[in-house]
Amino acid sequence: MVVLGAADARISEIFVYPIKSCRGISLPQCSITPTGFRWDRQWMVVNSKGRAYTQRVEPKLALVEVDLPKEAFTEDWNPTDESYLVLKAPGMETLKVSLNKNCKKIDGVSIWEWSGPGLDEGPEASNWFSKYLEKPSQLVRFNTELGTRYVDHNYAHGYKTMFSDGYPFMLISQASLDALNKILDVPLPINRFRPNILVEGCEPFSEDLWKVLKISKLMFNGVKLCSRCKVPTINQDTGIVSNEPTATLKKFRSDQALRPTKRSQGKVYFGQNLVCNESISPSGGGKVVRVGDPVYVVQKHASPADAAA
């Protein structure tokens, strides 16, 4: 039995991103499923070949607002005929996508190295995104009955995700954002980095070292430092791309700076990818994370160079 002392941090915000690369939703609490937070990256916009659109090539996706019923994030909630995924975007009429309908099963939905089955949300959603992006588009939902997408087995075994980049959870500390903002000419909000869990009360970048965490009654493993792509350089309020914060992060958060004994791949790191042990355990209640929950660090690495990346 692990004896825990004072909390090392507390959760200050929880975010889910129902449609990959579209805006997130800030929540007071969220239940945990076998693939991460409920509804997180369950939908994705794809091109005519079923390949994912992301902000890397379609920064306008940052302006798509997404909403779900508040009760949808509790453990036992089931949608009714009056339950909708609601989308808004500049110059577009509101789109309501039913959460309680039978969708056409399709094959060949792909993101990065994974390809598998999906569910087509229908012509109205396809037309909406095609008009907004000005190119053929389709809104698809992950088919959890027929499809499984495992995380990279080199970092974690047996854990699943849906349309996230690679892992079911990503954590950042407020202190890390504050430290970065002190040296940026223009401070950035946390939405540039799209975490699932934001914590406060710890030292800057201490999350680099977090190997095993306890949040509420749940155990999480820090499995991989989060290497950042182009998305943090995209203003989430305008869709405009710049060179920050990547240019600044390269000065002190590059693999060369943090992991000098390893081969440099030109990456920069900000945040820690997590998996939750209980997400693959037998079903049971209580798999909920809440704002205000204490975070206990059970095991940590000696340095960022010892962490997986």
C-alpha atoms as a PDB file:
ATOM      1  CA  MET A   1       0.000   0.000   0.000  1.00  0.00           C
ATOM      2  CA  VAL A   2       1.364   3.401  -1.005  1.00  0.00           C
ATOM      3  CA  VAL A   3       1.267   6.022   1.761  1.00  0.00           C
ATOM      4  CA  LEU A   4       0.586   9.444   0.297  1.00  0.00           C
ATOM      5  CA  GLY A   5       1.517  12.764   1.854  1.00  0.00           C
ATOM      6  CA  ALA A   6       0.461  16.222   0.788  1.00  0.00           C
ATOM      7  CA  ALA A   7      -0.832  16.601  -2.755  1.00  0.00           C
ATOM      8  CA  ASP A   8       1.769  17.551  -5.353  1.00  0.00           C
ATOM      9  CA  ALA A   9      -0.782  19.486  -7.443  1.00  0.00           C
ATOM     10  CA  ARG A  10      -4.512  19.911  -8.016  1.00  0.00           C
ATOM     11  CA  ILE A  11      -6.608  19.792 -11.154  1.00  0.00           C
ATOM     12  CA  SER A  12      -7.583  23.315 -12.184  1.00  0.00           C
ATOM     13  CA  GLU A  13      -9.299  22.548 -15.522  1.00  0.00           C
ATOM     14  CA  ILE A  14     -10.521  19.557 -17.519  1.00  0.00           C
ATOM     15  CA  PHE A  15     -10.940  19.694 -21.294  1.00  0.00           C
ATOM     16  CA  VAL A  16     -12.392  17.388 -23.907  1.00  0.00           C
ATOM     17  CA  TYR A  17     -12.283  17.866 -27.681  1.00  0.00           C
ATOM     18  CA  PRO A  18     -15.213  15.910 -29.143  1.00  0.00           C
ATOM     19  CA  ILE A  19     -14.201  16.625 -32.762  1.00  0.00           C
ATOM     20  CA  LYS A  20     -10.505  16.305 -33.465  1.00  0.00           C
ATOM     21  CA  SER A  21      -8.884  19.703 -34.123  1.00  0.00           C
ATOM     22  CA  CYS A  22     -12.059  21.647 -33.289  1.00  0.00           C
ATOM     23  CA  ARG A  23     -12.555  23.673 -30.118  1.00  0.00           C
ATOM     24  CA  GLY A  24     -12.566  22.010 -26.748  1.00  0.00           C
ATOM     25  CA  ILE A  25     -15.056  22.108 -23.885  1.00  0.00           C
ATOM     26  CA  SER A  26     -14.014  23.031 -20.338  1.00  0.00           C
ATOM     27  CA  LEU A  27     -15.731  20.817 -17.744  1.00  0.00           C
ATOM     28  CA  PRO A  28     -16.098  20.608 -13.972  1.00  0.00           C
ATOM     29  CA  GLN A  29     -15.793  16.814 -14.190  1.00  0.00           C
ATOM     30  CA  CYS A  30     -15.634  14.000 -16.721  1.00  0.00           C
ATOM     31  CA  SER A  31     -15.952  10.237 -16.636  1.00  0.00           C
ATOM     32  CA  ILE A  32     -13.234   7.935 -17.918  1.00  0.00           C
ATOM     33  CA  THR A  33     -13.892   5.308 -20.576  1.00  0.00           C
ATOM     34  CA  PRO A  34     -11.614   2.632 -22.099  1.00  0.00           C
ATOM     35  CA  THR A  35     -10.397   5.239 -24.651  1.00  0.00           C
ATOM     36  CA  GLY A  36      -9.945   8.308 -22.432  1.00  0.00           C
ATOM     37  CA  PHE A  37     -12.364  10.992 -21.258  1.00  0.00           C
ATOM     38  CA  ARG A  38     -15.895  10.395 -22.468  1.00  0.00           C
ATOM     39  CA  TRP A  39     -16.510  11.913 -25.940  1.00  0.00           C
ATOM     40  CA  ASP A  40     -12.898  13.033 -26.365  1.00  0.00           C
ATOM     41  CA  ARG A  41     -11.875  12.902 -30.054  1.00  0.00           C
ATOM     42  CA  GLN A  42     -14.814  10.634 -30.837  1.00  0.00           C
ATOM     43  CA  TRP A  43     -15.420  12.505 -34.124  1.00  0.00           C
ATOM     44  CA  MET A  44     -13.120  13.601 -36.900  1.00  0.00           C
ATOM     45  CA  VAL A  45     -13.419  15.487 -40.181  1.00  0.00           C
ATOM     46  CA  VAL A  46     -11.974  13.578 -43.147  1.00  0.00           C
ATOM     47  CA  ASN A  47     -11.366  14.208 -46.831  1.00  0.00           C
ATOM     48  CA  SER A  48     -12.854  12.310 -49.771  1.00  0.00           C
ATOM     49  CA  LYS A  49     -10.420   9.445 -49.145  1.00  0.00           C
ATOM     50  CA  GLY A  50     -11.273   9.139 -45.458  1.00  0.00           C
ATOM     51  CA  ARG A  51      -8.022  10.754 -44.318  1.00  0.00           C
ATOM     52  CA  ALA A  52      -8.073  13.030 -41.265  1.00  0.00           C
ATOM     53  CA  TYR A  53      -8.176  16.793 -41.562  1.00  0.00           C
ATOM     54  CA  THR A  54      -6.354  18.509 -38.686  1.00  0.00           C
ATOM     55  CA  GLN A  55      -5.412  22.075 -37.856  1.00  0.00           C
ATOM     56  CA  ARG A  56      -1.981  21.403 -39.311  1.00  0.00           C
ATOM     57  CA  VAL A  57      -3.459  21.750 -42.800  1.00  0.00           C
ATOM     58  CA  GLU A  58      -6.893  23.234 -41.976  1.00  0.00           C
ATOM     59  CA  PRO A  59      -6.374  25.859 -39.243  1.00  0.00           C
ATOM     60  CA  LYS A  60      -9.986  27.024 -39.735  1.00  0.00           C
ATOM     61  CA  LEU A  61     -11.038  23.987 -37.714  1.00  0.00           C
ATOM     62  CA  ALA A  62      -9.870  25.907 -34.638  1.00  0.00           C
ATOM     63  CA  LEU A  63     -12.890  28.200 -35.044  1.00  0.00           C
ATOM     64  CA  VAL A  64     -15.499  25.419 -34.946  1.00  0.00           C
ATOM     65  CA  GLU A  65     -17.300  25.579 -31.596  1.00  0.00           C
ATOM     66  CA  VAL A  66     -18.549  22.275 -30.227  1.00  0.00           C
ATOM     67  CA  ASP A  67     -21.162  21.666 -27.560  1.00  0.00           C
ATOM     68  CA  LEU A  68     -22.755  18.622 -25.927  1.00  0.00           C
ATOM     69  CA  PRO A  69     -25.434  18.287 -23.233  1.00  0.00           C
ATOM     70  CA  LYS A  70     -23.911  19.006 -19.805  1.00  0.00           C
ATOM     71  CA  GLU A  71     -25.111  15.676 -18.456  1.00  0.00           C
ATOM     72  CA  ALA A  72     -23.309  13.834 -21.285  1.00  0.00           C
ATOM     73  CA  PHE A  73     -20.089  13.797 -19.280  1.00  0.00           C
ATOM     74  CA  THR A  74     -21.422  11.763 -16.367  1.00  0.00           C
ATOM     75  CA  GLU A  75     -20.783   8.034 -16.078  1.00  0.00           C
ATOM     76  CA  ASP A  76     -24.158   6.489 -16.808  1.00  0.00           C
ATOM     77  CA  TRP A  77     -25.794   9.003 -19.158  1.00  0.00           C
ATOM     78  CA  ASN A  78     -27.324   7.731 -22.394  1.00  0.00           C
ATOM     79  CA  PRO A  79     -28.457   9.987 -25.250  1.00  0.00           C
ATOM     80  CA  THR A  80     -32.111  10.396 -26.190  1.00  0.00           C
ATOM     81  CA  ASP A  81     -33.749  11.511 -29.424  1.00  0.00           C
ATOM     82  CA  GLU A  82     -33.318  15.099 -28.174  1.00  0.00           C
ATOM     83  CA  SER A  83     -29.576  14.829 -27.588  1.00  0.00           C
ATOM     84  CA  TYR A  84     -27.276  16.589 -30.046  1.00  0.00           C
ATOM     85  CA  LEU A  85     -23.714  17.465 -30.864  1.00  0.00           C
ATOM     86  CA  VAL A  86     -24.060  21.171 -31.706  1.00  0.00           C
ATOM     87  CA  LEU A  87     -21.587  22.940 -34.009  1.00  0.00           C
ATOM     88  CA  LYS A  88     -21.087  26.625 -34.786  1.00  0.00           C
ATOM     89  CA  ALA A  89     -18.530  28.368 -37.002  1.00  0.00           C
ATOM     90  CA  PRO A  90     -18.067  31.838 -38.567  1.00  0.00           C
ATOM     91  CA  GLY A  91     -20.420  32.376 -41.489  1.00  0.00           C
ATOM     92  CA  MET A  92     -22.197  29.071 -40.944  1.00  0.00           C
ATOM     93  CA  GLU A  93     -25.632  28.151 -39.657  1.00  0.00           C
ATOM     94  CA  THR A  94     -25.729  26.030 -36.501  1.00  0.00           C
ATOM     95  CA  LEU A  95     -25.459  22.303 -37.177  1.00  0.00           C
ATOM     96  CA  LYS A  96     -27.120  19.781 -34.864  1.00  0.00           C
ATOM     97  CA  VAL A  97     -25.923  16.179 -35.105  1.00  0.00           C
ATOM     98  CA  SER A  98     -28.095  13.614 -33.349  1.00  0.00           C
ATOM     99  CA  LEU A  99     -26.348  11.483 -30.735  1.00  0.00           C
ATOM    100  CA  ASN A 100     -29.053   8.853 -30.925  1.00  0.00           C
ATOM    101  CA  LYS A 101     -29.236   7.674 -34.521  1.00  0.00           C
ATOM    102  CA  ASN A 102     -28.030   4.748 -36.569  1.00  0.00           C
ATOM    103  CA  CYS A 103     -25.159   5.775 -38.802  1.00  0.00           C
ATOM    104  CA  LYS A 104     -23.907   4.135 -41.961  1.00  0.00           C
ATOM    105  CA  LYS A 105     -20.824   2.020 -41.339  1.00  0.00           C
ATOM    106  CA  ILE A 106     -17.861   2.923 -43.548  1.00  0.00           C
ATOM    107  CA  ASP A 107     -14.343   1.565 -43.977  1.00  0.00           C
ATOM    108  CA  GLY A 108     -11.019   3.217 -44.635  1.00  0.00           C
ATOM    109  CA  VAL A 109     -11.126   6.010 -42.053  1.00  0.00           C
ATOM    110  CA  SER A 110      -7.504   6.864 -41.297  1.00  0.00           C
ATOM    111  CA  ILE A 111      -5.386   8.963 -38.987  1.00  0.00           C
ATOM    112  CA  TRP A 112      -1.582   8.748 -38.997  1.00  0.00           C
ATOM    113  CA  GLU A 113      -0.632   5.071 -39.068  1.00  0.00           C
ATOM    114  CA  TRP A 114      -4.100   3.750 -38.193  1.00  0.00           C
ATOM    115  CA  SER A 115      -6.900   2.848 -40.582  1.00  0.00           C
ATOM    116  CA  GLY A 116     -10.201   1.271 -39.651  1.00  0.00           C
ATOM    117  CA  PRO A 117     -13.991   1.467 -39.635  1.00  0.00           C
ATOM    118  CA  GLY A 118     -16.033   4.562 -38.879  1.00  0.00           C
ATOM    119  CA  LEU A 119     -19.593   5.853 -38.774  1.00  0.00           C
ATOM    120  CA  ASP A 120     -20.769   8.434 -41.314  1.00  0.00           C
ATOM    121  CA  GLU A 121     -22.729  11.245 -39.637  1.00  0.00           C
ATOM    122  CA  GLY A 122     -24.656  11.844 -42.847  1.00  0.00           C
ATOM    123  CA  PRO A 123     -24.996  14.278 -45.757  1.00  0.00           C
ATOM    124  CA  GLU A 124     -26.033  17.318 -43.731  1.00  0.00           C
ATOM    125  CA  ALA A 125     -22.834  17.185 -41.664  1.00  0.00           C
ATOM    126  CA  SER A 126     -20.753  16.459 -44.787  1.00  0.00           C
ATOM    127  CA  ASN A 127     -22.248  19.432 -46.617  1.00  0.00           C
ATOM    128  CA  TRP A 128     -21.699  21.691 -43.613  1.00  0.00           C
ATOM    129  CA  PHE A 129     -17.987  20.917 -43.341  1.00  0.00           C
ATOM    130  CA  SER A 130     -17.529  20.881 -47.133  1.00  0.00           C
ATOM    131  CA  LYS A 131     -18.946  24.395 -47.320  1.00  0.00           C
ATOM    132  CA  TYR A 132     -16.917  25.615 -44.354  1.00  0.00           C
ATOM    133  CA  LEU A 133     -13.585  24.158 -45.509  1.00  0.00           C
ATOM    134  CA  GLU A 134     -14.371  24.735 -49.202  1.00  0.00           C
ATOM    135  CA  LYS A 135     -13.409  21.181 -50.129  1.00  0.00           C
ATOM    136  CA  PRO A 136     -15.076  17.752 -49.956  1.00  0.00           C
ATOM    137  CA  SER A 137     -15.398  16.779 -46.311  1.00  0.00           C
ATOM    138  CA  GLN A 138     -17.160  14.248 -44.146  1.00  0.00           C
ATOM    139  CA  LEU A 139     -17.828  14.046 -40.408  1.00  0.00           C
ATOM    140  CA  VAL A 140     -17.152  10.560 -39.069  1.00  0.00           C
ATOM    141  CA  ARG A 141     -17.495   9.005 -35.652  1.00  0.00           C
ATOM    142  CA  PHE A 142     -15.214   6.331 -34.243  1.00  0.00           C
ATOM    143  CA  ASN A 143     -16.846   2.914 -34.524  1.00  0.00           C
ATOM    144  CA  THR A 144     -16.147   1.443 -31.084  1.00  0.00           C
ATOM    145  CA  GLU A 145     -18.064  -1.748 -31.863  1.00  0.00           C
ATOM    146  CA  LEU A 146     -15.902  -2.736 -34.843  1.00  0.00           C
ATOM    147  CA  GLY A 147     -12.720  -0.698 -34.477  1.00  0.00           C
ATOM    148  CA  THR A 148      -9.893  -0.602 -31.932  1.00  0.00           C
ATOM    149  CA  ARG A 149      -6.959   1.781 -31.953  1.00  0.00           C
ATOM    150  CA  TYR A 150      -4.170   0.949 -29.512  1.00  0.00           C
ATOM    151  CA  VAL A 151      -1.525   3.392 -28.355  1.00  0.00           C
ATOM    152  CA  ASP A 152       2.082   2.792 -29.409  1.00  0.00           C
ATOM    153  CA  HIS A 153       3.088  -0.456 -27.705  1.00  0.00           C
ATOM    154  CA  ASN A 154       6.631   0.880 -27.341  1.00  0.00           C
ATOM    155  CA  TYR A 155       5.295   3.216 -24.638  1.00  0.00           C
ATOM    156  CA  ALA A 156       2.229   1.494 -23.160  1.00  0.00           C
ATOM    157  CA  HIS A 157       0.590  -1.902 -23.636  1.00  0.00           C
ATOM    158  CA  GLY A 158      -3.119  -2.581 -23.986  1.00  0.00           C
ATOM    159  CA  TYR A 159      -4.375   1.003 -23.805  1.00  0.00           C
ATOM    160  CA  LYS A 160      -6.745   2.386 -26.415  1.00  0.00           C
ATOM    161  CA  THR A 161      -7.674   5.761 -27.828  1.00  0.00           C
ATOM    162  CA  MET A 162      -9.966   7.046 -30.570  1.00  0.00           C
ATOM    163  CA  PHE A 163      -8.929   9.953 -32.832  1.00  0.00           C
ATOM    164  CA  SER A 164      -6.381  11.608 -30.513  1.00  0.00           C
ATOM    165  CA  ASP A 165      -2.889  12.022 -31.929  1.00  0.00           C
ATOM    166  CA  GLY A 166      -1.601   9.102 -29.927  1.00  0.00           C
ATOM    167  CA  TYR A 167      -2.645   8.812 -26.283  1.00  0.00           C
ATOM    168  CA  PRO A 168      -5.888   9.113 -24.307  1.00  0.00           C
ATOM    169  CA  PHE A 169      -4.786  11.924 -21.941  1.00  0.00           C
ATOM    170  CA  MET A 170      -2.386  14.853 -21.979  1.00  0.00           C
ATOM    171  CA  LEU A 171      -1.482  16.852 -18.875  1.00  0.00           C
ATOM    172  CA  ILE A 172       0.159  20.274 -18.527  1.00  0.00           C
ATOM    173  CA  SER A 173       0.812  22.381 -15.437  1.00  0.00           C
ATOM    174  CA  GLN A 174      -0.216  26.011 -15.134  1.00  0.00           C
ATOM    175  CA  ALA A 175       3.269  26.726 -13.798  1.00  0.00           C
ATOM    176  CA  SER A 176       4.803  25.508 -17.074  1.00  0.00           C
ATOM    177  CA  LEU A 177       2.538  27.803 -19.078  1.00  0.00           C
ATOM    178  CA  ASP A 178       3.340  30.708 -16.747  1.00  0.00           C
ATOM    179  CA  ALA A 179       7.082  30.083 -17.113  1.00  0.00           C
ATOM    180  CA  LEU A 180       6.772  30.085 -20.891  1.00  0.00           C
ATOM    181  CA  ASN A 181       4.628  33.214 -20.913  1.00  0.00           C
ATOM    182  CA  LYS A 182       7.220  35.124 -18.880  1.00  0.00           C
ATOM    183  CA  ILE A 183       9.651  34.915 -21.791  1.00  0.00           C
ATOM    184  CA  LEU A 184       7.210  35.280 -24.688  1.00  0.00           C
ATOM    185  CA  ASP A 185       6.552  38.753 -26.081  1.00  0.00           C
ATOM    186  CA  VAL A 186       2.829  37.947 -26.167  1.00  0.00           C
ATOM    187  CA  PRO A 187       1.495  35.542 -23.498  1.00  0.00           C
ATOM    188  CA  LEU A 188      -0.538  32.589 -24.749  1.00  0.00           C
ATOM    189  CA  PRO A 189      -3.645  30.908 -23.313  1.00  0.00           C
ATOM    190  CA  ILE A 190      -3.675  27.208 -22.487  1.00  0.00           C
ATOM    191  CA  ASN A 191      -5.918  26.458 -25.482  1.00  0.00           C
ATOM    192  CA  ARG A 192      -2.854  26.669 -27.733  1.00  0.00           C
ATOM    193  CA  PHE A 193      -1.640  23.396 -26.222  1.00  0.00           C
ATOM    194  CA  ARG A 194      -4.970  21.511 -26.042  1.00  0.00           C
ATOM    195  CA  PRO A 195      -4.427  19.495 -22.830  1.00  0.00           C
ATOM    196  CA  ASN A 196      -7.037  17.255 -21.261  1.00  0.00           C
ATOM    197  CA  ILE A 197      -5.885  18.027 -17.712  1.00  0.00           C
ATOM    198  CA  LEU A 198      -4.454  21.303 -16.412  1.00  0.00           C
ATOM    199  CA  VAL A 199      -2.979  21.241 -12.918  1.00  0.00           C
ATOM    200  CA  GLU A 200      -1.768  23.935 -10.529  1.00  0.00           C
ATOM    201  CA  GLY A 201       0.348  24.046  -7.391  1.00  0.00           C
ATOM    202  CA  CYS A 202       3.529  22.438  -8.706  1.00  0.00           C
ATOM    203  CA  GLU A 203       6.822  23.746 -10.052  1.00  0.00           C
ATOM    204  CA  PRO A 204       7.246  24.582 -13.756  1.00  0.00           C
ATOM    205  CA  PHE A 205       7.792  21.504 -15.932  1.00  0.00           C
ATOM    206  CA  SER A 206       7.653  19.158 -12.952  1.00  0.00           C
ATOM    207  CA  GLU A 207       5.183  17.066 -14.977  1.00  0.00           C
ATOM    208  CA  ASP A 208       8.126  15.991 -17.154  1.00  0.00           C
ATOM    209  CA  LEU A 209       9.177  13.688 -14.337  1.00  0.00           C
ATOM    210  CA  TRP A 210       5.802  12.257 -13.323  1.00  0.00           C
ATOM    211  CA  LYS A 211       5.916   8.514 -13.909  1.00  0.00           C
ATOM    212  CA  VAL A 212       2.986   7.296 -11.758  1.00  0.00           C
ATOM    213  CA  LEU A 213       0.175   9.542 -10.492  1.00  0.00           C
ATOM    214  CA  LYS A 214      -2.886   9.097  -8.342  1.00  0.00           C
ATOM    215  CA  ILE A 215      -5.866  11.334  -9.110  1.00  0.00           C
ATOM    216  CA  SER A 216      -9.005  10.718  -7.060  1.00  0.00           C
ATOM    217  CA  LYS A 217      -9.082   6.909  -6.768  1.00  0.00           C
ATOM    218  CA  LEU A 218      -7.460   6.389 -10.164  1.00  0.00           C
ATOM    219  CA  MET A 219      -3.879   5.602 -11.136  1.00  0.00           C
ATOM    220  CA  PHE A 220      -2.259   7.195 -14.185  1.00  0.00           C
ATOM    221  CA  ASN A 221       1.079   6.508 -15.855  1.00  0.00           C
ATOM    222  CA  GLY A 222       3.108   9.197 -17.557  1.00  0.00           C
ATOM    223  CA  VAL A 223       4.177   7.339 -20.692  1.00  0.00           C
ATOM    224  CA  LYS A 224       5.705   9.892 -23.061  1.00  0.00           C
ATOM    225  CA  LEU A 225       6.730  13.535 -23.065  1.00  0.00           C
ATOM    226  CA  CYS A 226       4.465  15.366 -25.498  1.00  0.00           C
ATOM    227  CA  SER A 227       6.403  16.489 -28.568  1.00  0.00           C
ATOM    228  CA  ARG A 228       4.667  19.477 -30.089  1.00  0.00           C
ATOM    229  CA  CYS A 229       3.594  19.899 -33.704  1.00  0.00           C
ATOM    230  CA  LYS A 230       2.449  23.007 -35.577  1.00  0.00           C
ATOM    231  CA  VAL A 231      -0.853  23.364 -33.692  1.00  0.00           C
ATOM    232  CA  PRO A 232       0.452  25.501 -30.776  1.00  0.00           C
ATOM    233  CA  THR A 233       1.485  28.130 -33.342  1.00  0.00           C
ATOM    234  CA  ILE A 234      -2.156  28.527 -34.450  1.00  0.00           C
ATOM    235  CA  ASN A 235      -4.212  31.222 -32.723  1.00  0.00           C
ATOM    236  CA  GLN A 236      -7.295  29.325 -31.567  1.00  0.00           C
ATOM    237  CA  ASP A 237      -9.454  32.455 -31.757  1.00  0.00           C
ATOM    238  CA  THR A 238      -8.491  33.504 -35.295  1.00  0.00           C
ATOM    239  CA  GLY A 239      -6.898  30.511 -37.032  1.00  0.00           C
ATOM    240  CA  ILE A 240      -3.837  32.641 -37.867  1.00  0.00           C
ATOM    241  CA  VAL A 241      -0.473  30.851 -37.822  1.00  0.00           C
ATOM    242  CA  SER A 242       2.750  32.365 -36.402  1.00  0.00           C
ATOM    243  CA  ASN A 243       6.155  31.024 -35.346  1.00  0.00           C
ATOM    244  CA  GLU A 244       5.479  31.169 -31.606  1.00  0.00           C
ATOM    245  CA  PRO A 245       5.663  29.492 -29.182  1.00  0.00           C
ATOM    246  CA  THR A 246       7.755  26.946 -31.093  1.00  0.00           C
ATOM    247  CA  ALA A 247      10.602  29.389 -31.762  1.00  0.00           C
ATOM    248  CA  THR A 248      10.955  30.110 -28.045  1.00  0.00           C
ATOM    249  CA  LEU A 249      10.434  26.520 -26.933  1.00  0.00           C
ATOM    250  CA  LYS A 250      13.306  25.421 -29.163  1.00  0.00           C
ATOM    251  CA  LYS A 251      15.663  27.469 -26.981  1.00  0.00           C
ATOM    252  CA  PHE A 252      15.047  25.526 -23.783  1.00  0.00           C
ATOM    253  CA  ARG A 253      12.521  22.721 -24.401  1.00  0.00           C
ATOM    254  CA  SER A 254      14.132  20.942 -27.342  1.00  0.00           C
ATOM    255  CA  ASP A 255      15.222  17.325 -27.176  1.00  0.00           C
ATOM    256  CA  GLN A 256      18.800  18.589 -27.420  1.00  0.00           C
ATOM    257  CA  ALA A 257      18.327  20.727 -24.301  1.00  0.00           C
ATOM    258  CA  LEU A 258      16.320  18.246 -22.224  1.00  0.00           C
ATOM    259  CA  ARG A 259      17.878  14.996 -23.409  1.00  0.00           C
ATOM    260  CA  PRO A 260      21.472  15.878 -24.352  1.00  0.00           C
ATOM    261  CA  THR A 261      22.677  12.280 -24.193  1.00  0.00           C
ATOM    262  CA  LYS A 262      20.037  11.113 -26.681  1.00  0.00           C
ATOM    263  CA  ARG A 263      20.036  11.501 -30.452  1.00  0.00           C
ATOM    264  CA  SER A 264      18.412  14.806 -31.412  1.00  0.00           C
ATOM    265  CA  GLN A 265      15.339  14.602 -33.653  1.00  0.00           C
ATOM    266  CA  GLY A 266      14.527  18.305 -33.659  1.00  0.00           C
ATOM    267  CA  LYS A 267      11.557  17.941 -31.295  1.00  0.00           C
ATOM    268  CA  VAL A 268      10.252  20.303 -28.622  1.00  0.00           C
ATOM    269  CA  TYR A 269       8.333  19.114 -25.569  1.00  0.00           C
ATOM    270  CA  PHE A 270       5.512  20.646 -23.573  1.00  0.00           C
ATOM    271  CA  GLY A 271       3.260  18.396 -21.470  1.00  0.00           C
ATOM    272  CA  GLN A 272       3.064  14.727 -20.535  1.00  0.00           C
ATOM    273  CA  ASN A 273       0.998  12.001 -22.202  1.00  0.00           C
ATOM    274  CA  LEU A 274      -0.889   9.733 -19.783  1.00  0.00           C
ATOM    275  CA  VAL A 275      -2.798   6.480 -19.657  1.00  0.00           C
ATOM    276  CA  CYS A 276      -5.186   5.482 -16.872  1.00  0.00           C
ATOM    277  CA  ASN A 277      -4.802   2.022 -15.347  1.00  0.00           C
ATOM    278  CA  GLU A 278      -8.491   1.714 -14.548  1.00  0.00           C
ATOM    279  CA  SER A 279      -9.487   2.411 -18.156  1.00  0.00           C
ATOM    280  CA  ILE A 280      -8.610  -1.194 -19.016  1.00  0.00           C
ATOM    281  CA  SER A 281      -9.724  -2.740 -15.720  1.00  0.00           C
ATOM    282  CA  PRO A 282     -13.087  -4.506 -15.287  1.00  0.00           C
ATOM    283  CA  SER A 283     -16.079  -2.201 -15.325  1.00  0.00           C
ATOM    284  CA  GLY A 284     -17.056  -0.451 -12.130  1.00  0.00           C
ATOM    285  CA  GLY A 285     -18.232   2.923 -10.892  1.00  0.00           C
ATOM    286  CA  GLY A 286     -16.235   5.866  -9.659  1.00  0.00           C
ATOM    287  CA  LYS A 287     -14.141   6.459 -12.771  1.00  0.00           C
ATOM    288  CA  VAL A 288     -14.593  10.224 -12.653  1.00  0.00           C
ATOM    289  CA  VAL A 289     -12.026  13.036 -12.498  1.00  0.00           C
ATOM    290  CA  ARG A 290     -13.053  16.428 -11.128  1.00  0.00           C
ATOM    291  CA  VAL A 291     -11.676  19.952 -10.991  1.00  0.00           C
ATOM    292  CA  GLY A 292     -10.136  20.322  -7.549  1.00  0.00           C
ATOM    293  CA  ASP A 293      -9.020  16.705  -7.293  1.00  0.00           C
ATOM    294  CA  PRO A 294      -5.587  16.369  -5.672  1.00  0.00           C
ATOM    295  CA  VAL A 295      -2.753  14.921  -7.737  1.00  0.00           C
ATOM    296  CA  TYR A 296      -0.257  12.709  -5.947  1.00  0.00           C
ATOM    297  CA  VAL A 297       3.028  11.788  -7.589  1.00  0.00           C
ATOM    298  CA  VAL A 298       3.737   8.173  -6.627  1.00  0.00           C
ATOM    299  CA  GLN A 299       6.847   7.686  -8.777  1.00  0.00           C
ATOM    300  CA  LYS A 300       8.987  10.115 -10.712  1.00  0.00           C
ATOM    301  CA  HIS A 301      11.958  10.114 -13.045  1.00  0.00           C
ATOM    302  CA  ALA A 302      15.277  11.603 -11.966  1.00  0.00           C
ATOM    303  CA  SER A 303      15.422  13.890 -15.010  1.00  0.00           C
ATOM    304  CA  PRO A 304      13.652  14.502 -18.352  1.00  0.00           C
ATOM    305  CA  ALA A 305      16.386  12.476 -20.012  1.00  0.00           C
ATOM    306  CA  ASP A 306      15.123   9.424 -18.128  1.00  0.00           C
ATOM    307  CA  ALA A 307      11.522   9.895 -19.232  1.00  0.00           C
ATOM    308  CA  ALA A 308      10.214   8.301 -22.403  1.00  0.00           C
ATOM    309  CA  ALA A 309       9.918  10.701 -25.324  1.00  0.00           C
END
